[in-house]
N, C-alpha and C. Protein backbone atom coordinates (compact mmCIF):
# COMPACT_ATOMS: atom_id res chain seq x y z
N MET A 1 0.85 -1.17 0.00
CA MET A 1 0.00 0.00 0.00
C MET A 1 0.90 1.23 0.00
N LEU A 2 0.54 2.19 -0.81
CA LEU A 2 1.28 3.44 -0.93
C LEU A 2 0.47 4.54 -0.24
N ILE A 3 1.12 5.29 0.62
CA ILE A 3 0.40 6.28 1.44
C ILE A 3 1.07 7.65 1.30
N ASN A 4 0.24 8.69 1.25
CA ASN A 4 0.76 10.04 1.32
C ASN A 4 -0.19 10.83 2.23
N ASP A 5 0.29 11.12 3.45
CA ASP A 5 -0.54 11.82 4.43
C ASP A 5 -0.69 13.31 4.11
N ARG A 6 0.28 13.90 3.46
CA ARG A 6 0.18 15.32 3.10
C ARG A 6 -0.85 15.53 2.00
N LEU A 7 -0.80 14.69 0.95
CA LEU A 7 -1.74 14.82 -0.17
C LEU A 7 -3.00 13.99 0.03
N LYS A 8 -3.03 13.22 1.10
CA LYS A 8 -4.19 12.43 1.51
C LYS A 8 -4.66 11.45 0.43
N PHE A 9 -3.75 10.52 0.09
CA PHE A 9 -4.14 9.45 -0.81
C PHE A 9 -3.53 8.13 -0.35
N VAL A 10 -4.19 7.05 -0.76
CA VAL A 10 -3.73 5.69 -0.51
C VAL A 10 -3.83 4.94 -1.83
N GLY A 11 -2.77 4.24 -2.17
CA GLY A 11 -2.78 3.42 -3.38
C GLY A 11 -2.69 1.95 -3.01
N TYR A 12 -3.61 1.16 -3.53
CA TYR A 12 -3.60 -0.29 -3.33
C TYR A 12 -2.98 -0.90 -4.58
N LEU A 13 -1.88 -1.61 -4.41
CA LEU A 13 -1.05 -1.98 -5.54
C LEU A 13 -0.75 -3.48 -5.57
N PRO A 14 -1.68 -4.28 -6.06
CA PRO A 14 -1.43 -5.73 -6.15
C PRO A 14 -0.26 -6.02 -7.09
N GLY A 15 0.42 -7.12 -6.86
CA GLY A 15 1.55 -7.52 -7.68
C GLY A 15 1.16 -7.78 -9.12
N ARG A 16 2.12 -7.57 -10.04
CA ARG A 16 1.97 -7.84 -11.47
C ARG A 16 0.96 -6.91 -12.14
N THR A 17 0.78 -5.71 -11.59
CA THR A 17 -0.16 -4.75 -12.17
C THR A 17 0.51 -3.41 -12.49
N GLY A 18 1.82 -3.39 -12.57
CA GLY A 18 2.53 -2.14 -12.78
C GLY A 18 2.79 -1.41 -11.48
N SER A 19 2.60 -2.10 -10.37
CA SER A 19 2.69 -1.46 -9.06
C SER A 19 4.08 -0.94 -8.74
N THR A 20 5.13 -1.66 -9.13
CA THR A 20 6.49 -1.19 -8.85
C THR A 20 6.79 0.06 -9.66
N SER A 21 6.43 0.05 -10.94
CA SER A 21 6.66 1.22 -11.80
C SER A 21 5.90 2.44 -11.27
N LEU A 22 4.64 2.25 -10.94
CA LEU A 22 3.82 3.37 -10.47
C LEU A 22 4.29 3.90 -9.12
N SER A 23 4.53 3.01 -8.17
CA SER A 23 4.95 3.49 -6.84
C SER A 23 6.31 4.17 -6.90
N THR A 24 7.22 3.66 -7.73
CA THR A 24 8.53 4.30 -7.89
C THR A 24 8.37 5.72 -8.43
N TRP A 25 7.51 5.88 -9.44
CA TRP A 25 7.29 7.21 -10.03
C TRP A 25 6.65 8.15 -9.01
N ILE A 26 5.65 7.67 -8.29
CA ILE A 26 4.96 8.53 -7.32
C ILE A 26 5.90 8.95 -6.20
N ILE A 27 6.68 8.02 -5.67
CA ILE A 27 7.61 8.36 -4.59
C ILE A 27 8.68 9.35 -5.08
N GLU A 28 9.12 9.19 -6.32
CA GLU A 28 10.11 10.11 -6.88
C GLU A 28 9.54 11.52 -7.05
N HIS A 29 8.30 11.64 -7.49
CA HIS A 29 7.72 12.95 -7.77
C HIS A 29 6.92 13.54 -6.61
N TYR A 30 6.52 12.72 -5.68
CA TYR A 30 5.77 13.17 -4.50
C TYR A 30 6.45 12.55 -3.27
N PRO A 31 7.61 13.12 -2.88
CA PRO A 31 8.48 12.50 -1.88
C PRO A 31 7.87 12.23 -0.52
N SER A 32 6.77 12.86 -0.20
CA SER A 32 6.15 12.58 1.09
C SER A 32 5.38 11.25 1.05
N SER A 33 5.38 10.59 -0.10
CA SER A 33 4.72 9.28 -0.23
C SER A 33 5.65 8.20 0.32
N HIS A 34 5.04 7.16 0.86
CA HIS A 34 5.83 6.05 1.38
C HIS A 34 5.03 4.74 1.29
N ILE A 35 5.76 3.65 1.32
CA ILE A 35 5.14 2.33 1.31
C ILE A 35 4.67 2.04 2.73
N GLY A 36 3.46 1.49 2.86
CA GLY A 36 2.92 1.16 4.18
C GLY A 36 3.76 0.13 4.91
N PRO A 37 3.56 -0.01 6.22
CA PRO A 37 4.40 -0.88 7.04
C PRO A 37 4.35 -2.36 6.64
N GLU A 38 3.28 -2.80 6.00
CA GLU A 38 3.16 -4.20 5.63
C GLU A 38 3.68 -4.47 4.22
N GLY A 39 4.10 -3.44 3.49
CA GLY A 39 4.63 -3.62 2.15
C GLY A 39 3.72 -3.08 1.07
N ARG A 40 4.23 -3.04 -0.15
CA ARG A 40 3.53 -2.44 -1.28
C ARG A 40 2.24 -3.18 -1.64
N HIS A 41 2.25 -4.53 -1.59
CA HIS A 41 1.12 -5.29 -2.08
C HIS A 41 0.06 -5.58 -1.03
N TYR A 42 0.27 -5.16 0.18
CA TYR A 42 -0.69 -5.41 1.25
C TYR A 42 -1.76 -4.34 1.23
N SER A 43 -3.01 -4.71 1.46
CA SER A 43 -4.11 -3.77 1.23
C SER A 43 -4.97 -3.43 2.44
N GLU A 44 -4.49 -3.62 3.63
CA GLU A 44 -5.29 -3.27 4.81
C GLU A 44 -5.06 -1.81 5.17
N ALA A 45 -6.11 -1.02 5.06
CA ALA A 45 -6.00 0.39 5.44
C ALA A 45 -6.57 0.58 6.84
N SER A 46 -6.06 1.56 7.52
CA SER A 46 -6.58 1.84 8.85
C SER A 46 -7.64 2.93 8.75
N ASN A 47 -8.34 3.14 9.83
CA ASN A 47 -9.36 4.18 9.87
C ASN A 47 -8.80 5.57 9.63
N GLU A 48 -7.53 5.76 9.94
CA GLU A 48 -6.93 7.09 9.74
C GLU A 48 -6.89 7.47 8.26
N HIS A 49 -7.05 6.50 7.36
CA HIS A 49 -7.03 6.78 5.93
C HIS A 49 -8.42 6.77 5.29
N LYS A 50 -9.45 6.67 6.08
CA LYS A 50 -10.78 6.48 5.50
C LYS A 50 -11.25 7.66 4.66
N ASN A 51 -10.75 8.86 4.91
CA ASN A 51 -11.16 10.03 4.12
C ASN A 51 -10.16 10.38 3.02
N TYR A 52 -9.17 9.53 2.81
CA TYR A 52 -8.18 9.78 1.77
C TYR A 52 -8.73 9.34 0.41
N PHE A 53 -8.17 9.91 -0.66
CA PHE A 53 -8.48 9.44 -2.00
C PHE A 53 -7.82 8.06 -2.17
N LYS A 54 -8.58 7.11 -2.67
CA LYS A 54 -8.08 5.75 -2.78
C LYS A 54 -8.07 5.31 -4.23
N PHE A 55 -6.91 4.80 -4.67
CA PHE A 55 -6.81 4.25 -6.02
C PHE A 55 -6.16 2.88 -5.94
N ALA A 56 -6.38 2.10 -6.99
CA ALA A 56 -5.81 0.75 -7.04
C ALA A 56 -5.43 0.42 -8.48
N THR A 57 -4.38 -0.35 -8.63
CA THR A 57 -4.02 -0.84 -9.95
C THR A 57 -4.73 -2.16 -10.19
N ILE A 58 -5.11 -2.38 -11.42
CA ILE A 58 -5.84 -3.60 -11.78
C ILE A 58 -5.38 -4.02 -13.18
N ARG A 59 -5.45 -5.32 -13.44
CA ARG A 59 -4.99 -5.84 -14.72
C ARG A 59 -6.01 -6.83 -15.27
N ASN A 60 -6.09 -6.91 -16.59
CA ASN A 60 -6.97 -7.88 -17.22
C ASN A 60 -6.67 -9.25 -16.63
N PRO A 61 -7.69 -9.95 -16.12
CA PRO A 61 -7.44 -11.24 -15.46
C PRO A 61 -6.69 -12.26 -16.32
N TYR A 62 -6.92 -12.26 -17.61
CA TYR A 62 -6.20 -13.23 -18.46
C TYR A 62 -4.70 -12.94 -18.49
N THR A 63 -4.34 -11.68 -18.75
CA THR A 63 -2.92 -11.36 -18.80
C THR A 63 -2.30 -11.40 -17.40
N ASN A 64 -3.10 -11.16 -16.38
CA ASN A 64 -2.63 -11.26 -15.01
C ASN A 64 -2.22 -12.70 -14.69
N ILE A 65 -3.05 -13.63 -15.10
CA ILE A 65 -2.75 -15.05 -14.86
C ILE A 65 -1.49 -15.46 -15.60
N VAL A 66 -1.39 -15.05 -16.87
CA VAL A 66 -0.19 -15.39 -17.65
C VAL A 66 1.05 -14.81 -16.98
N SER A 67 0.98 -13.56 -16.54
CA SER A 67 2.12 -12.91 -15.91
C SER A 67 2.53 -13.63 -14.62
N HIS A 68 1.56 -13.99 -13.79
CA HIS A 68 1.88 -14.71 -12.56
C HIS A 68 2.47 -16.08 -12.86
N TYR A 69 1.91 -16.75 -13.84
CA TYR A 69 2.43 -18.08 -14.21
C TYR A 69 3.88 -17.96 -14.67
N GLN A 70 4.15 -16.98 -15.53
CA GLN A 70 5.53 -16.78 -16.01
C GLN A 70 6.48 -16.48 -14.85
N LEU A 71 6.04 -15.62 -13.94
CA LEU A 71 6.87 -15.28 -12.79
C LEU A 71 7.16 -16.51 -11.95
N GLU A 72 6.13 -17.29 -11.67
CA GLU A 72 6.34 -18.47 -10.84
C GLU A 72 7.20 -19.51 -11.54
N LYS A 73 7.06 -19.65 -12.84
CA LYS A 73 7.89 -20.60 -13.58
C LYS A 73 9.33 -20.13 -13.61
N ARG A 74 9.53 -18.83 -13.76
CA ARG A 74 10.88 -18.27 -13.89
C ARG A 74 11.58 -18.14 -12.55
N VAL A 75 10.89 -17.59 -11.56
CA VAL A 75 11.52 -17.28 -10.28
C VAL A 75 11.33 -18.38 -9.25
N LYS A 76 10.16 -18.97 -9.24
CA LYS A 76 9.84 -19.95 -8.21
C LYS A 76 9.73 -21.35 -8.79
N LYS A 77 10.49 -21.61 -9.83
CA LYS A 77 10.33 -22.86 -10.56
C LYS A 77 10.55 -24.10 -9.70
N MET A 78 11.24 -23.96 -8.62
CA MET A 78 11.48 -25.13 -7.78
C MET A 78 10.22 -25.55 -7.01
N ILE A 79 9.26 -24.64 -6.85
CA ILE A 79 8.06 -24.95 -6.08
C ILE A 79 7.16 -25.93 -6.84
N PHE A 80 6.96 -25.70 -8.12
CA PHE A 80 6.10 -26.60 -8.89
C PHE A 80 6.62 -26.72 -10.33
N PRO A 81 7.75 -27.34 -10.50
CA PRO A 81 8.37 -27.36 -11.83
C PRO A 81 7.57 -28.09 -12.90
N ASP A 82 6.70 -29.00 -12.53
CA ASP A 82 5.99 -29.80 -13.52
C ASP A 82 4.56 -29.34 -13.80
N VAL A 83 4.13 -28.24 -13.20
CA VAL A 83 2.76 -27.77 -13.39
C VAL A 83 2.68 -27.03 -14.72
N ASP A 84 1.82 -27.51 -15.63
CA ASP A 84 1.66 -26.81 -16.90
C ASP A 84 0.62 -25.70 -16.74
N PHE A 85 0.46 -24.90 -17.79
CA PHE A 85 -0.40 -23.73 -17.70
C PHE A 85 -1.85 -24.09 -17.40
N GLU A 86 -2.37 -25.12 -18.03
CA GLU A 86 -3.76 -25.51 -17.79
C GLU A 86 -3.97 -25.95 -16.34
N GLU A 87 -3.05 -26.72 -15.82
CA GLU A 87 -3.15 -27.16 -14.42
C GLU A 87 -3.06 -25.97 -13.47
N TYR A 88 -2.23 -25.01 -13.83
CA TYR A 88 -2.07 -23.80 -13.03
C TYR A 88 -3.39 -23.02 -12.97
N VAL A 89 -4.02 -22.84 -14.14
CA VAL A 89 -5.26 -22.05 -14.20
C VAL A 89 -6.41 -22.77 -13.53
N LEU A 90 -6.57 -24.05 -13.81
CA LEU A 90 -7.72 -24.79 -13.28
C LEU A 90 -7.53 -25.23 -11.83
N GLY A 91 -6.29 -25.24 -11.38
CA GLY A 91 -6.01 -25.60 -9.99
C GLY A 91 -6.16 -24.41 -9.08
N ARG A 92 -5.63 -24.51 -7.92
CA ARG A 92 -5.79 -23.45 -6.92
C ARG A 92 -4.75 -22.36 -7.04
N ARG A 93 -3.72 -22.54 -7.84
CA ARG A 93 -2.60 -21.61 -7.89
C ARG A 93 -3.00 -20.19 -8.28
N CYS A 94 -3.93 -20.03 -9.22
CA CYS A 94 -4.20 -18.67 -9.72
C CYS A 94 -5.29 -17.94 -8.95
N ARG A 95 -5.87 -18.54 -7.94
CA ARG A 95 -6.97 -17.88 -7.22
C ARG A 95 -6.52 -16.71 -6.35
N HIS A 96 -5.33 -16.80 -5.76
CA HIS A 96 -4.95 -15.80 -4.77
C HIS A 96 -4.87 -14.39 -5.31
N PHE A 97 -4.40 -14.19 -6.51
CA PHE A 97 -4.26 -12.82 -6.99
C PHE A 97 -5.52 -12.31 -7.68
N LEU A 98 -6.42 -13.19 -8.09
CA LEU A 98 -7.68 -12.72 -8.66
C LEU A 98 -8.64 -12.25 -7.58
N PHE A 99 -8.34 -12.54 -6.34
CA PHE A 99 -9.22 -12.11 -5.26
C PHE A 99 -8.56 -11.06 -4.39
N VAL A 100 -7.64 -10.32 -4.96
CA VAL A 100 -6.96 -9.24 -4.23
C VAL A 100 -7.98 -8.28 -3.64
N PHE A 101 -9.04 -8.01 -4.37
CA PHE A 101 -9.97 -6.99 -3.92
C PHE A 101 -10.89 -7.49 -2.82
N LYS A 102 -10.84 -8.78 -2.49
CA LYS A 102 -11.57 -9.25 -1.31
C LYS A 102 -11.00 -8.61 -0.05
N GLN A 103 -9.70 -8.31 -0.09
CA GLN A 103 -9.10 -7.62 1.06
C GLN A 103 -9.77 -6.26 1.25
N LEU A 104 -10.05 -5.58 0.15
CA LEU A 104 -10.71 -4.28 0.24
C LEU A 104 -12.14 -4.44 0.73
N ASP A 105 -12.83 -5.47 0.23
CA ASP A 105 -14.21 -5.72 0.68
C ASP A 105 -14.26 -6.03 2.17
N ARG A 106 -13.30 -6.82 2.63
CA ARG A 106 -13.27 -7.23 4.03
C ARG A 106 -13.18 -6.03 4.96
N THR A 107 -12.53 -4.99 4.51
CA THR A 107 -12.37 -3.80 5.34
C THR A 107 -13.31 -2.68 4.92
N ASN A 108 -14.26 -2.98 4.01
CA ASN A 108 -15.23 -1.99 3.52
C ASN A 108 -14.58 -0.76 2.92
N ILE A 109 -13.48 -0.96 2.23
CA ILE A 109 -12.79 0.15 1.58
C ILE A 109 -13.38 0.36 0.19
N GLN A 110 -13.73 1.59 -0.12
CA GLN A 110 -14.24 1.95 -1.43
C GLN A 110 -13.12 2.62 -2.22
N VAL A 111 -12.76 2.02 -3.34
CA VAL A 111 -11.72 2.60 -4.19
C VAL A 111 -12.35 3.67 -5.07
N ASP A 112 -11.71 4.84 -5.11
CA ASP A 112 -12.22 5.95 -5.91
C ASP A 112 -11.86 5.83 -7.39
N LYS A 113 -10.72 5.22 -7.69
CA LYS A 113 -10.24 5.16 -9.08
C LYS A 113 -9.41 3.90 -9.27
N PHE A 114 -9.72 3.16 -10.34
CA PHE A 114 -8.91 2.01 -10.73
C PHE A 114 -8.03 2.40 -11.90
N LEU A 115 -6.75 2.07 -11.81
CA LEU A 115 -5.79 2.35 -12.86
C LEU A 115 -5.47 1.03 -13.56
N ARG A 116 -5.81 0.95 -14.83
CA ARG A 116 -5.59 -0.29 -15.58
C ARG A 116 -4.14 -0.38 -16.03
N THR A 117 -3.54 -1.53 -15.80
CA THR A 117 -2.15 -1.76 -16.18
C THR A 117 -1.93 -1.42 -17.65
N GLU A 118 -2.87 -1.78 -18.48
CA GLU A 118 -2.73 -1.60 -19.92
C GLU A 118 -2.75 -0.12 -20.33
N HIS A 119 -3.21 0.76 -19.45
CA HIS A 119 -3.28 2.21 -19.72
C HIS A 119 -2.75 2.97 -18.50
N LEU A 120 -1.71 2.46 -17.90
CA LEU A 120 -1.27 2.96 -16.60
C LEU A 120 -0.87 4.44 -16.63
N GLU A 121 -0.09 4.85 -17.59
CA GLU A 121 0.33 6.26 -17.64
C GLU A 121 -0.88 7.18 -17.84
N GLU A 122 -1.73 6.82 -18.78
CA GLU A 122 -2.92 7.62 -19.07
C GLU A 122 -3.84 7.70 -17.85
N ASP A 123 -4.09 6.55 -17.21
CA ASP A 123 -4.97 6.54 -16.05
C ASP A 123 -4.35 7.27 -14.86
N ALA A 124 -3.04 7.09 -14.66
CA ALA A 124 -2.36 7.75 -13.53
C ALA A 124 -2.40 9.27 -13.68
N ALA A 125 -2.38 9.75 -14.91
CA ALA A 125 -2.41 11.20 -15.15
C ALA A 125 -3.72 11.82 -14.68
N THR A 126 -4.76 11.01 -14.48
CA THR A 126 -6.06 11.54 -14.04
C THR A 126 -6.20 11.57 -12.52
N LEU A 127 -5.21 11.07 -11.79
CA LEU A 127 -5.29 11.12 -10.33
C LEU A 127 -5.31 12.57 -9.88
N PRO A 128 -6.10 12.91 -8.87
CA PRO A 128 -6.28 14.32 -8.49
C PRO A 128 -5.02 15.01 -7.99
N PHE A 129 -4.05 14.29 -7.52
CA PHE A 129 -2.83 14.92 -7.01
C PHE A 129 -1.74 15.04 -8.08
N VAL A 130 -1.91 14.41 -9.21
CA VAL A 130 -0.87 14.43 -10.26
C VAL A 130 -0.91 15.77 -10.98
N ASP A 131 0.24 16.45 -10.98
CA ASP A 131 0.32 17.78 -11.58
C ASP A 131 1.42 17.86 -12.64
N ARG A 132 1.79 16.72 -13.20
CA ARG A 132 2.84 16.68 -14.22
C ARG A 132 2.61 15.49 -15.14
N ARG A 133 3.35 15.46 -16.20
CA ARG A 133 3.25 14.35 -17.16
C ARG A 133 3.71 13.07 -16.48
N VAL A 134 2.98 12.01 -16.70
CA VAL A 134 3.35 10.71 -16.13
C VAL A 134 4.13 9.94 -17.19
N ALA A 135 5.38 9.64 -16.86
CA ALA A 135 6.23 8.85 -17.76
C ALA A 135 6.85 7.74 -16.92
N LEU A 136 6.26 6.57 -17.01
CA LEU A 136 6.71 5.46 -16.17
C LEU A 136 7.79 4.64 -16.86
N GLN A 137 8.76 4.27 -16.09
CA GLN A 137 9.74 3.29 -16.56
C GLN A 137 9.20 1.94 -16.16
N ARG A 138 8.99 1.06 -17.11
CA ARG A 138 8.42 -0.27 -16.80
C ARG A 138 9.46 -1.11 -16.09
N LEU A 139 9.23 -1.33 -14.81
CA LEU A 139 10.13 -2.13 -13.98
C LEU A 139 9.50 -3.50 -13.79
N HIS A 140 10.30 -4.51 -13.76
CA HIS A 140 9.83 -5.88 -13.52
C HIS A 140 8.87 -6.36 -14.60
N ALA A 141 8.96 -5.80 -15.79
CA ALA A 141 8.07 -6.23 -16.87
C ALA A 141 8.36 -7.67 -17.23
N ALA A 142 7.31 -8.40 -17.53
CA ALA A 142 7.44 -9.80 -17.90
C ALA A 142 8.09 -9.91 -19.28
N PRO A 143 8.88 -10.95 -19.49
CA PRO A 143 9.48 -11.16 -20.81
C PRO A 143 8.39 -11.60 -21.80
N THR A 144 8.79 -11.82 -23.03
CA THR A 144 7.84 -12.29 -24.04
C THR A 144 7.08 -13.48 -23.49
N GLN A 145 5.78 -13.49 -23.75
CA GLN A 145 4.92 -14.51 -23.17
C GLN A 145 5.32 -15.91 -23.61
N MET A 146 5.27 -16.82 -22.65
CA MET A 146 5.43 -18.22 -22.98
C MET A 146 4.23 -18.64 -23.80
N ASN A 147 4.24 -19.83 -24.27
CA ASN A 147 3.11 -20.32 -25.06
C ASN A 147 1.96 -20.66 -24.12
N CYS A 148 1.29 -19.64 -23.64
CA CYS A 148 0.16 -19.82 -22.72
C CYS A 148 -1.13 -19.59 -23.48
N LYS A 149 -1.90 -20.64 -23.64
CA LYS A 149 -3.16 -20.56 -24.38
C LYS A 149 -4.29 -21.05 -23.48
N PHE A 150 -5.41 -20.35 -23.54
CA PHE A 150 -6.58 -20.68 -22.74
C PHE A 150 -7.55 -21.55 -23.55
N THR A 151 -8.00 -22.64 -22.96
CA THR A 151 -9.05 -23.46 -23.55
C THR A 151 -10.40 -22.89 -23.10
N ARG A 152 -11.48 -23.34 -23.68
CA ARG A 152 -12.82 -22.89 -23.27
C ARG A 152 -13.05 -23.15 -21.78
N GLU A 153 -12.63 -24.31 -21.30
CA GLU A 153 -12.80 -24.63 -19.89
C GLU A 153 -12.02 -23.66 -19.01
N MET A 154 -10.82 -23.31 -19.42
CA MET A 154 -10.00 -22.37 -18.66
C MET A 154 -10.63 -20.98 -18.67
N ILE A 155 -11.15 -20.56 -19.83
CA ILE A 155 -11.79 -19.25 -19.94
C ILE A 155 -13.00 -19.18 -19.00
N ASP A 156 -13.83 -20.21 -19.02
CA ASP A 156 -15.00 -20.25 -18.14
C ASP A 156 -14.59 -20.18 -16.67
N HIS A 157 -13.51 -20.86 -16.34
CA HIS A 157 -13.01 -20.87 -14.95
C HIS A 157 -12.53 -19.47 -14.55
N VAL A 158 -11.78 -18.84 -15.43
CA VAL A 158 -11.26 -17.49 -15.13
C VAL A 158 -12.43 -16.52 -14.94
N ILE A 159 -13.43 -16.61 -15.78
CA ILE A 159 -14.60 -15.73 -15.64
C ILE A 159 -15.30 -15.99 -14.31
N SER A 160 -15.42 -17.26 -13.94
CA SER A 160 -16.13 -17.58 -12.69
C SER A 160 -15.40 -17.08 -11.45
N ILE A 161 -14.08 -17.14 -11.46
CA ILE A 161 -13.34 -16.70 -10.26
C ILE A 161 -12.91 -15.24 -10.33
N GLY A 162 -12.92 -14.65 -11.52
CA GLY A 162 -12.41 -13.29 -11.66
C GLY A 162 -13.41 -12.28 -12.18
N LEU A 163 -14.69 -12.59 -12.11
CA LEU A 163 -15.71 -11.70 -12.68
C LEU A 163 -15.62 -10.30 -12.08
N ARG A 164 -15.38 -10.21 -10.81
CA ARG A 164 -15.31 -8.89 -10.17
C ARG A 164 -14.17 -8.05 -10.76
N GLU A 165 -13.02 -8.68 -11.01
CA GLU A 165 -11.90 -7.94 -11.60
C GLU A 165 -12.23 -7.47 -13.02
N PHE A 166 -12.92 -8.31 -13.80
CA PHE A 166 -13.35 -7.89 -15.13
C PHE A 166 -14.23 -6.64 -15.01
N GLN A 167 -15.17 -6.67 -14.08
CA GLN A 167 -16.10 -5.56 -13.91
C GLN A 167 -15.41 -4.30 -13.41
N LEU A 168 -14.57 -4.43 -12.38
CA LEU A 168 -13.91 -3.27 -11.80
C LEU A 168 -12.99 -2.56 -12.80
N GLY A 169 -12.34 -3.35 -13.65
CA GLY A 169 -11.43 -2.76 -14.62
C GLY A 169 -12.08 -2.39 -15.94
N GLY A 170 -13.36 -2.73 -16.07
CA GLY A 170 -14.05 -2.45 -17.32
C GLY A 170 -13.57 -3.34 -18.46
N TYR A 171 -13.11 -4.54 -18.12
CA TYR A 171 -12.58 -5.47 -19.12
C TYR A 171 -13.68 -6.36 -19.68
N SER A 172 -13.55 -6.72 -20.94
CA SER A 172 -14.42 -7.70 -21.56
C SER A 172 -14.03 -9.08 -21.02
N THR A 173 -14.99 -9.96 -20.86
CA THR A 173 -14.68 -11.32 -20.41
C THR A 173 -14.18 -12.18 -21.57
N GLU A 174 -14.18 -11.63 -22.78
CA GLU A 174 -13.62 -12.38 -23.91
C GLU A 174 -12.11 -12.46 -23.78
N CYS A 175 -11.60 -13.65 -24.01
CA CYS A 175 -10.15 -13.85 -23.92
C CYS A 175 -9.48 -13.19 -25.13
N PRO A 176 -8.37 -12.47 -24.91
CA PRO A 176 -7.67 -11.87 -26.04
C PRO A 176 -7.28 -12.94 -27.07
N PRO A 177 -7.43 -12.65 -28.35
CA PRO A 177 -7.17 -13.64 -29.40
C PRO A 177 -5.78 -14.25 -29.34
N ASN A 178 -4.79 -13.48 -28.93
CA ASN A 178 -3.42 -14.02 -28.86
C ASN A 178 -3.24 -15.05 -27.73
N LEU A 179 -4.25 -15.20 -26.87
CA LEU A 179 -4.14 -16.16 -25.77
C LEU A 179 -5.08 -17.37 -25.95
N ILE A 180 -5.67 -17.50 -27.14
CA ILE A 180 -6.55 -18.63 -27.39
C ILE A 180 -5.85 -19.62 -28.30
């Protein structure tokens, strides 16, 4: 979570959504900003922030799953080296990041603005405290996508577990053609 008490904003920044790029830019240009005590990706806000402007980064659930799968295969490959993409999607592995916003629901936090990873600079420029051009350096960007293709069963599963993320980000539930 990114906090700025002077400008009165809180940013909820789930992993693999451009959160490192965005938080780095905000801290550089608005130095009174800081990462919350539990870390960048943690989303529990206290009552002291209830009147702050709240924004969150969000990513298309399909590309979010691919990005997490790539990260886990590349960085955490020792944990599940033999799990293929279909098993990853249909199993329990991909549920944790599609339900990031349950943390917000649990604490009754209302997000004022969602910033879509796919339009991060454009969306960030509309934040009420931003008074300059937003030019993000993409940090931790995923390499070229592995051969990750969604079957009809996988698409239906992603829609069933990630419908809220599709709605919050204004995303179509249709799988991008390059992932079918």
